N, C-alpha and C. Protein backbone atom coordinates (compact mmCIF):
# COMPACT_ATOMS: atom_id res chain seq x y z
N MET A 1 0.84 -1.19 0.00
CA MET A 1 0.00 0.00 0.00
C MET A 1 0.87 1.24 0.00
N MET A 2 0.28 2.36 -0.36
CA MET A 2 1.02 3.60 -0.50
C MET A 2 0.87 4.45 0.74
N GLU A 3 1.57 4.10 1.77
CA GLU A 3 1.41 4.80 3.04
C GLU A 3 1.88 6.24 2.97
N ASP A 4 2.87 6.54 2.11
CA ASP A 4 3.43 7.88 2.04
C ASP A 4 2.85 8.70 0.89
N TYR A 5 1.83 8.20 0.24
CA TYR A 5 1.25 8.87 -0.92
C TYR A 5 -0.12 9.43 -0.57
N TYR A 6 -0.37 10.66 -1.00
CA TYR A 6 -1.66 11.29 -0.77
C TYR A 6 -2.31 11.58 -2.11
N MET A 7 -3.55 11.15 -2.25
CA MET A 7 -4.28 11.36 -3.50
C MET A 7 -4.67 12.83 -3.63
N ASN A 8 -4.65 13.30 -4.89
CA ASN A 8 -5.18 14.64 -5.14
C ASN A 8 -6.71 14.54 -5.25
N HIS A 9 -7.37 15.67 -5.35
CA HIS A 9 -8.83 15.68 -5.34
C HIS A 9 -9.42 14.85 -6.48
N GLY A 10 -8.87 14.97 -7.67
CA GLY A 10 -9.37 14.21 -8.80
C GLY A 10 -9.21 12.71 -8.60
N GLN A 11 -8.08 12.32 -8.02
CA GLN A 11 -7.85 10.91 -7.74
C GLN A 11 -8.82 10.41 -6.67
N GLU A 12 -9.09 11.21 -5.67
CA GLU A 12 -10.05 10.83 -4.63
C GLU A 12 -11.42 10.58 -5.23
N LYS A 13 -11.84 11.47 -6.14
CA LYS A 13 -13.15 11.31 -6.79
C LYS A 13 -13.19 10.04 -7.64
N PHE A 14 -12.12 9.78 -8.40
CA PHE A 14 -12.06 8.60 -9.25
C PHE A 14 -12.05 7.34 -8.38
N TYR A 15 -11.30 7.36 -7.30
CA TYR A 15 -11.21 6.25 -6.35
C TYR A 15 -12.60 5.89 -5.83
N ALA A 16 -13.34 6.90 -5.39
CA ALA A 16 -14.69 6.68 -4.86
C ALA A 16 -15.62 6.18 -5.98
N PHE A 17 -15.52 6.78 -7.15
CA PHE A 17 -16.34 6.39 -8.30
C PHE A 17 -16.15 4.91 -8.61
N ILE A 18 -14.90 4.48 -8.68
CA ILE A 18 -14.60 3.09 -8.99
C ILE A 18 -15.10 2.15 -7.90
N LEU A 19 -14.76 2.47 -6.65
CA LEU A 19 -15.10 1.56 -5.56
C LEU A 19 -16.61 1.37 -5.40
N GLU A 20 -17.40 2.37 -5.78
CA GLU A 20 -18.85 2.24 -5.74
C GLU A 20 -19.35 1.23 -6.78
N ARG A 21 -18.53 0.92 -7.76
CA ARG A 21 -18.96 0.08 -8.88
C ARG A 21 -18.28 -1.30 -8.90
N VAL A 22 -17.47 -1.57 -7.89
CA VAL A 22 -16.73 -2.84 -7.82
C VAL A 22 -17.62 -3.93 -7.21
N GLN A 23 -17.41 -5.16 -7.66
CA GLN A 23 -18.13 -6.32 -7.14
C GLN A 23 -17.85 -6.50 -5.65
N HIS A 24 -18.84 -7.02 -4.96
CA HIS A 24 -18.68 -7.33 -3.54
C HIS A 24 -17.49 -8.28 -3.36
N GLY A 25 -16.63 -7.97 -2.42
CA GLY A 25 -15.48 -8.82 -2.15
C GLY A 25 -14.26 -8.52 -2.99
N LYS A 26 -14.37 -7.58 -3.91
CA LYS A 26 -13.24 -7.24 -4.80
C LYS A 26 -12.64 -5.86 -4.47
N GLN A 27 -13.12 -5.22 -3.39
CA GLN A 27 -12.69 -3.87 -3.07
C GLN A 27 -11.19 -3.75 -2.81
N GLU A 28 -10.63 -4.69 -2.06
CA GLU A 28 -9.20 -4.60 -1.73
C GLU A 28 -8.33 -4.72 -2.97
N GLU A 29 -8.71 -5.61 -3.87
CA GLU A 29 -7.97 -5.77 -5.11
C GLU A 29 -8.07 -4.50 -5.97
N ALA A 30 -9.27 -3.92 -6.00
CA ALA A 30 -9.47 -2.68 -6.75
C ALA A 30 -8.68 -1.53 -6.13
N LYS A 31 -8.68 -1.43 -4.81
CA LYS A 31 -7.91 -0.38 -4.13
C LYS A 31 -6.43 -0.49 -4.48
N ALA A 32 -5.89 -1.70 -4.44
CA ALA A 32 -4.48 -1.90 -4.75
C ALA A 32 -4.17 -1.47 -6.18
N LEU A 33 -5.03 -1.82 -7.11
CA LEU A 33 -4.84 -1.46 -8.50
C LEU A 33 -4.92 0.06 -8.69
N LEU A 34 -5.89 0.70 -8.05
CA LEU A 34 -6.00 2.16 -8.12
C LEU A 34 -4.77 2.82 -7.53
N GLU A 35 -4.32 2.35 -6.40
CA GLU A 35 -3.16 2.95 -5.76
C GLU A 35 -1.91 2.79 -6.62
N GLU A 36 -1.78 1.65 -7.28
CA GLU A 36 -0.65 1.46 -8.19
C GLU A 36 -0.72 2.48 -9.33
N SER A 37 -1.90 2.69 -9.87
CA SER A 37 -2.04 3.65 -10.97
C SER A 37 -1.72 5.07 -10.51
N PHE A 38 -2.16 5.44 -9.31
CA PHE A 38 -1.86 6.78 -8.81
C PHE A 38 -0.37 6.94 -8.56
N GLN A 39 0.28 5.90 -8.05
CA GLN A 39 1.71 5.97 -7.81
C GLN A 39 2.46 6.11 -9.13
N ARG A 40 2.02 5.38 -10.14
CA ARG A 40 2.66 5.50 -11.46
C ARG A 40 2.47 6.90 -12.03
N GLN A 41 1.32 7.51 -11.79
CA GLN A 41 1.12 8.89 -12.24
C GLN A 41 2.13 9.81 -11.54
N GLU A 42 2.28 9.61 -10.25
CA GLU A 42 3.20 10.42 -9.46
C GLU A 42 4.64 10.23 -9.92
N ASP A 43 5.01 8.97 -10.21
CA ASP A 43 6.37 8.64 -10.63
C ASP A 43 6.62 8.90 -12.11
N LYS A 44 5.56 9.29 -12.82
CA LYS A 44 5.62 9.52 -14.27
C LYS A 44 6.00 8.24 -15.03
N THR A 45 5.50 7.10 -14.53
CA THR A 45 5.72 5.81 -15.21
C THR A 45 4.39 5.23 -15.70
N PHE A 46 3.36 6.07 -15.79
CA PHE A 46 2.03 5.65 -16.24
C PHE A 46 2.06 5.62 -17.76
N SER A 47 2.16 4.43 -18.34
CA SER A 47 2.31 4.27 -19.78
C SER A 47 1.02 3.78 -20.44
N LYS A 48 1.03 3.81 -21.75
CA LYS A 48 -0.10 3.28 -22.52
C LYS A 48 -0.30 1.80 -22.20
N GLU A 49 0.80 1.06 -22.10
CA GLU A 49 0.72 -0.37 -21.79
C GLU A 49 0.10 -0.61 -20.43
N PHE A 50 0.50 0.21 -19.44
CA PHE A 50 -0.09 0.05 -18.11
C PHE A 50 -1.57 0.40 -18.14
N MET A 51 -1.94 1.45 -18.86
CA MET A 51 -3.35 1.85 -18.94
C MET A 51 -4.19 0.73 -19.53
N GLU A 52 -3.69 0.07 -20.56
CA GLU A 52 -4.43 -1.03 -21.18
C GLU A 52 -4.57 -2.19 -20.19
N GLU A 53 -3.48 -2.51 -19.49
CA GLU A 53 -3.52 -3.58 -18.48
C GLU A 53 -4.47 -3.21 -17.35
N PHE A 54 -4.41 -1.95 -16.92
CA PHE A 54 -5.26 -1.46 -15.84
C PHE A 54 -6.73 -1.62 -16.23
N MET A 55 -7.09 -1.23 -17.44
CA MET A 55 -8.49 -1.30 -17.88
C MET A 55 -8.98 -2.75 -17.90
N ILE A 56 -8.14 -3.66 -18.36
CA ILE A 56 -8.52 -5.08 -18.40
C ILE A 56 -8.70 -5.61 -16.98
N ARG A 57 -7.71 -5.34 -16.13
CA ARG A 57 -7.76 -5.85 -14.75
C ARG A 57 -8.93 -5.25 -13.97
N MET A 58 -9.14 -3.94 -14.12
CA MET A 58 -10.22 -3.28 -13.39
C MET A 58 -11.57 -3.75 -13.88
N SER A 59 -11.72 -3.94 -15.17
CA SER A 59 -13.00 -4.40 -15.72
C SER A 59 -13.42 -5.73 -15.11
N ALA A 60 -12.46 -6.59 -14.82
CA ALA A 60 -12.75 -7.89 -14.22
C ALA A 60 -13.27 -7.76 -12.78
N LEU A 61 -13.03 -6.63 -12.16
CA LEU A 61 -13.44 -6.41 -10.77
C LEU A 61 -14.78 -5.70 -10.64
N LEU A 62 -15.25 -5.14 -11.73
CA LEU A 62 -16.46 -4.32 -11.70
C LEU A 62 -17.73 -5.15 -11.77
N LYS A 63 -18.81 -4.58 -11.24
CA LYS A 63 -20.13 -5.17 -11.44
C LYS A 63 -20.42 -5.07 -12.93
N PRO A 64 -20.97 -6.11 -13.53
CA PRO A 64 -21.19 -6.12 -14.99
C PRO A 64 -21.94 -4.90 -15.51
N GLU A 65 -22.90 -4.42 -14.76
CA GLU A 65 -23.70 -3.28 -15.23
C GLU A 65 -22.93 -1.96 -15.25
N HIS A 66 -21.72 -1.93 -14.69
CA HIS A 66 -20.94 -0.70 -14.63
C HIS A 66 -19.71 -0.71 -15.52
N ILE A 67 -19.42 -1.82 -16.17
CA ILE A 67 -18.19 -1.93 -16.95
C ILE A 67 -18.12 -0.87 -18.05
N GLU A 68 -19.16 -0.75 -18.84
CA GLU A 68 -19.14 0.21 -19.96
C GLU A 68 -18.99 1.64 -19.45
N GLU A 69 -19.71 2.00 -18.41
CA GLU A 69 -19.62 3.35 -17.83
C GLU A 69 -18.19 3.65 -17.37
N VAL A 70 -17.57 2.72 -16.67
CA VAL A 70 -16.22 2.94 -16.16
C VAL A 70 -15.22 2.99 -17.31
N GLN A 71 -15.36 2.12 -18.30
CA GLN A 71 -14.45 2.15 -19.44
C GLN A 71 -14.53 3.48 -20.18
N GLU A 72 -15.74 4.02 -20.32
CA GLU A 72 -15.90 5.32 -20.97
C GLU A 72 -15.21 6.41 -20.16
N THR A 73 -15.38 6.37 -18.86
CA THR A 73 -14.75 7.36 -17.98
C THR A 73 -13.23 7.26 -18.05
N MET A 74 -12.72 6.04 -17.99
CA MET A 74 -11.26 5.86 -18.07
C MET A 74 -10.73 6.32 -19.42
N GLY A 75 -11.49 6.10 -20.47
CA GLY A 75 -11.08 6.54 -21.80
C GLY A 75 -10.94 8.05 -21.89
N GLN A 76 -11.77 8.78 -21.18
CA GLN A 76 -11.70 10.24 -21.17
C GLN A 76 -10.41 10.73 -20.52
N PHE A 77 -9.90 9.98 -19.56
CA PHE A 77 -8.70 10.38 -18.83
C PHE A 77 -7.42 9.83 -19.46
N ARG A 78 -7.58 8.90 -20.38
CA ARG A 78 -6.42 8.23 -20.98
C ARG A 78 -5.41 9.24 -21.53
N THR A 79 -5.86 10.22 -22.26
CA THR A 79 -4.93 11.15 -22.89
C THR A 79 -4.23 12.07 -21.89
N ARG A 80 -4.80 12.25 -20.72
CA ARG A 80 -4.19 13.12 -19.71
C ARG A 80 -2.97 12.49 -19.04
N PHE A 81 -2.96 11.16 -18.92
CA PHE A 81 -1.94 10.52 -18.12
C PHE A 81 -0.99 9.61 -18.89
N VAL A 82 -1.35 9.25 -20.10
CA VAL A 82 -0.54 8.28 -20.85
C VAL A 82 0.51 9.00 -21.65
N LYS A 83 1.72 8.47 -21.58
CA LYS A 83 2.84 9.03 -22.37
C LYS A 83 2.77 8.52 -23.79
């Protein structure tokens, strides 16, 4: 976990948005994946390859009815963070 890392406001909103849509029992796995993505943003190692892997892994954790909504939201942010 990222004990020394603090999320910015946008990350906090995205974190809450995602966790509200995750399958029961998958929250810890989703939190870890989100925290890894935020750390990569901070370290400037957030790549296109990681974004693609992130979307696949996160989609597997979401409630089926929210997958499309979350993928659309992540797609909007893709250009902001991907090198």
